[in-house]
Amino acid sequence: MEYRGKNYLIFEGDEPNSWRWAVTLDDVTTKTGEARTRSAAVTEVVLAVDRALSKLNAPR
């Protein structure tokens, strides 16, 4: 899947009510995490991508 040009995966975790996520932010940076629901995992991906892009676009 893709959000704002960044590829991500969401898949079931090992425990019940566990979802894992991974998003590739650039050639060397991948963020991962775990959430209790699939929608929470999607939210974490969106936040990670938006934070990474805001740092790129911040005034210098």
N, C-alpha and C. Protein backbone atom coordinates (compact mmCIF):
# COMPACT_ATOMS: atom_id res chain seq x y z
N MET A 1 0.84 -1.16 0.00
CA MET A 1 0.00 0.00 0.00
C MET A 1 0.89 1.24 0.00
N GLU A 2 0.29 2.38 -0.25
CA GLU A 2 1.08 3.60 -0.35
C GLU A 2 0.32 4.77 0.25
N TYR A 3 1.06 5.63 0.93
CA TYR A 3 0.53 6.88 1.47
C TYR A 3 1.53 7.97 1.19
N ARG A 4 1.10 9.02 0.50
CA ARG A 4 1.94 10.16 0.15
C ARG A 4 3.27 9.73 -0.45
N GLY A 5 3.23 8.71 -1.31
CA GLY A 5 4.41 8.26 -2.02
C GLY A 5 5.31 7.31 -1.24
N LYS A 6 4.91 6.93 -0.03
CA LYS A 6 5.72 6.03 0.81
C LYS A 6 5.01 4.67 0.91
N ASN A 7 5.73 3.61 0.66
CA ASN A 7 5.16 2.26 0.74
C ASN A 7 5.11 1.78 2.17
N TYR A 8 4.01 1.10 2.50
CA TYR A 8 3.87 0.54 3.84
C TYR A 8 3.14 -0.80 3.81
N LEU A 9 3.34 -1.57 4.87
CA LEU A 9 2.68 -2.86 5.06
C LEU A 9 2.00 -2.86 6.41
N ILE A 10 0.84 -3.51 6.47
CA ILE A 10 0.16 -3.75 7.74
C ILE A 10 -0.23 -5.22 7.75
N PHE A 11 0.11 -5.90 8.83
CA PHE A 11 -0.18 -7.34 8.91
C PHE A 11 -0.47 -7.72 10.35
N GLU A 12 -1.14 -8.85 10.52
CA GLU A 12 -1.50 -9.31 11.86
C GLU A 12 -0.26 -9.67 12.65
N GLY A 13 -0.26 -9.32 13.93
CA GLY A 13 0.85 -9.66 14.81
C GLY A 13 0.71 -11.07 15.34
N ASP A 14 1.64 -11.46 16.18
CA ASP A 14 1.65 -12.80 16.75
C ASP A 14 0.59 -12.98 17.84
N GLU A 15 0.29 -11.95 18.56
CA GLU A 15 -0.68 -12.01 19.66
C GLU A 15 -2.08 -11.65 19.15
N PRO A 16 -3.12 -12.09 19.85
CA PRO A 16 -4.48 -11.64 19.50
C PRO A 16 -4.59 -10.12 19.63
N ASN A 17 -5.39 -9.52 18.81
CA ASN A 17 -5.57 -8.05 18.80
C ASN A 17 -4.25 -7.32 18.66
N SER A 18 -3.43 -7.80 17.75
CA SER A 18 -2.12 -7.21 17.52
C SER A 18 -1.92 -7.05 16.01
N TRP A 19 -1.58 -5.84 15.61
CA TRP A 19 -1.29 -5.53 14.21
C TRP A 19 0.08 -4.88 14.14
N ARG A 20 0.89 -5.32 13.20
CA ARG A 20 2.23 -4.75 13.00
C ARG A 20 2.22 -3.92 11.73
N TRP A 21 3.08 -2.91 11.70
CA TRP A 21 3.18 -2.06 10.52
C TRP A 21 4.64 -1.74 10.24
N ALA A 22 4.91 -1.46 8.98
CA ALA A 22 6.25 -1.04 8.56
C ALA A 22 6.09 -0.07 7.40
N VAL A 23 6.85 1.02 7.44
CA VAL A 23 6.79 2.01 6.37
C VAL A 23 8.21 2.38 5.97
N THR A 24 8.46 2.40 4.67
CA THR A 24 9.76 2.79 4.13
C THR A 24 9.73 4.28 3.86
N LEU A 25 10.53 5.04 4.62
CA LEU A 25 10.53 6.49 4.50
C LEU A 25 11.51 7.00 3.45
N ASP A 26 12.64 6.32 3.31
CA ASP A 26 13.60 6.65 2.26
C ASP A 26 14.46 5.42 2.01
N ASP A 27 15.54 5.57 1.27
CA ASP A 27 16.37 4.42 0.89
C ASP A 27 16.98 3.70 2.07
N VAL A 28 17.17 4.39 3.19
CA VAL A 28 17.83 3.76 4.34
C VAL A 28 16.98 3.72 5.61
N THR A 29 15.81 4.36 5.60
CA THR A 29 15.01 4.47 6.82
C THR A 29 13.69 3.73 6.70
N THR A 30 13.49 2.78 7.60
CA THR A 30 12.22 2.06 7.71
C THR A 30 11.76 2.15 9.16
N LYS A 31 10.53 2.55 9.36
CA LYS A 31 9.94 2.61 10.70
C LYS A 31 8.98 1.44 10.85
N THR A 32 8.95 0.86 12.04
CA THR A 32 8.04 -0.25 12.32
C THR A 32 7.36 -0.01 13.66
N GLY A 33 6.26 -0.72 13.86
CA GLY A 33 5.57 -0.59 15.13
C GLY A 33 4.46 -1.62 15.26
N GLU A 34 3.75 -1.53 16.37
CA GLU A 34 2.67 -2.45 16.66
C GLU A 34 1.50 -1.67 17.24
N ALA A 35 0.29 -2.10 16.90
CA ALA A 35 -0.92 -1.44 17.40
C ALA A 35 -1.96 -2.50 17.75
N ARG A 36 -2.98 -2.09 18.51
CA ARG A 36 -4.00 -3.04 18.94
C ARG A 36 -5.07 -3.29 17.88
N THR A 37 -5.26 -2.34 16.96
CA THR A 37 -6.24 -2.51 15.89
C THR A 37 -5.60 -2.16 14.55
N ARG A 38 -6.23 -2.64 13.48
CA ARG A 38 -5.71 -2.33 12.15
C ARG A 38 -5.80 -0.83 11.89
N SER A 39 -6.90 -0.22 12.28
CA SER A 39 -7.05 1.22 12.04
C SER A 39 -6.02 2.03 12.83
N ALA A 40 -5.67 1.59 14.02
CA ALA A 40 -4.63 2.27 14.79
C ALA A 40 -3.27 2.11 14.10
N ALA A 41 -3.03 0.97 13.49
CA ALA A 41 -1.79 0.76 12.75
C ALA A 41 -1.71 1.71 11.55
N VAL A 42 -2.83 1.87 10.84
CA VAL A 42 -2.87 2.82 9.72
C VAL A 42 -2.59 4.23 10.21
N THR A 43 -3.16 4.60 11.33
CA THR A 43 -2.93 5.93 11.91
C THR A 43 -1.46 6.13 12.23
N GLU A 44 -0.81 5.11 12.78
CA GLU A 44 0.62 5.20 13.10
C GLU A 44 1.45 5.40 11.84
N VAL A 45 1.09 4.71 10.76
CA VAL A 45 1.79 4.88 9.48
C VAL A 45 1.63 6.31 9.00
N VAL A 46 0.41 6.82 9.01
CA VAL A 46 0.14 8.19 8.54
C VAL A 46 0.95 9.19 9.35
N LEU A 47 0.97 9.03 10.66
CA LEU A 47 1.74 9.95 11.51
C LEU A 47 3.24 9.87 11.22
N ALA A 48 3.77 8.66 11.04
CA ALA A 48 5.20 8.50 10.76
C ALA A 48 5.58 9.16 9.44
N VAL A 49 4.76 8.97 8.42
CA VAL A 49 5.04 9.57 7.11
C VAL A 49 4.92 11.08 7.20
N ASP A 50 3.86 11.57 7.81
CA ASP A 50 3.68 13.03 7.91
C ASP A 50 4.81 13.69 8.69
N ARG A 51 5.27 13.05 9.78
CA ARG A 51 6.41 13.60 10.54
C ARG A 51 7.67 13.65 9.68
N ALA A 52 7.93 12.56 8.96
CA ALA A 52 9.13 12.51 8.12
C ALA A 52 9.08 13.56 7.02
N LEU A 53 7.93 13.72 6.38
CA LEU A 53 7.81 14.71 5.31
C LEU A 53 7.87 16.13 5.85
N SER A 54 7.34 16.37 7.04
CA SER A 54 7.39 17.73 7.60
C SER A 54 8.82 18.12 7.92
N LYS A 55 9.65 17.16 8.33
CA LYS A 55 11.06 17.47 8.59
C LYS A 55 11.79 17.82 7.32
N LEU A 56 11.42 17.17 6.20
CA LEU A 56 12.04 17.48 4.92
C LEU A 56 11.66 18.85 4.42
N ASN A 57 10.43 19.27 4.71
CA ASN A 57 9.92 20.55 4.20
C ASN A 57 10.06 21.69 5.20
N ALA A 58 10.69 21.46 6.32
CA ALA A 58 10.84 22.52 7.33
C ALA A 58 11.79 23.59 6.81
N PRO A 59 11.51 24.85 7.15
CA PRO A 59 12.42 25.93 6.74
C PRO A 59 13.79 25.76 7.40
N ARG A 60 14.79 26.17 6.70
CA ARG A 60 16.16 26.00 7.22
C ARG A 60 16.74 27.32 7.62
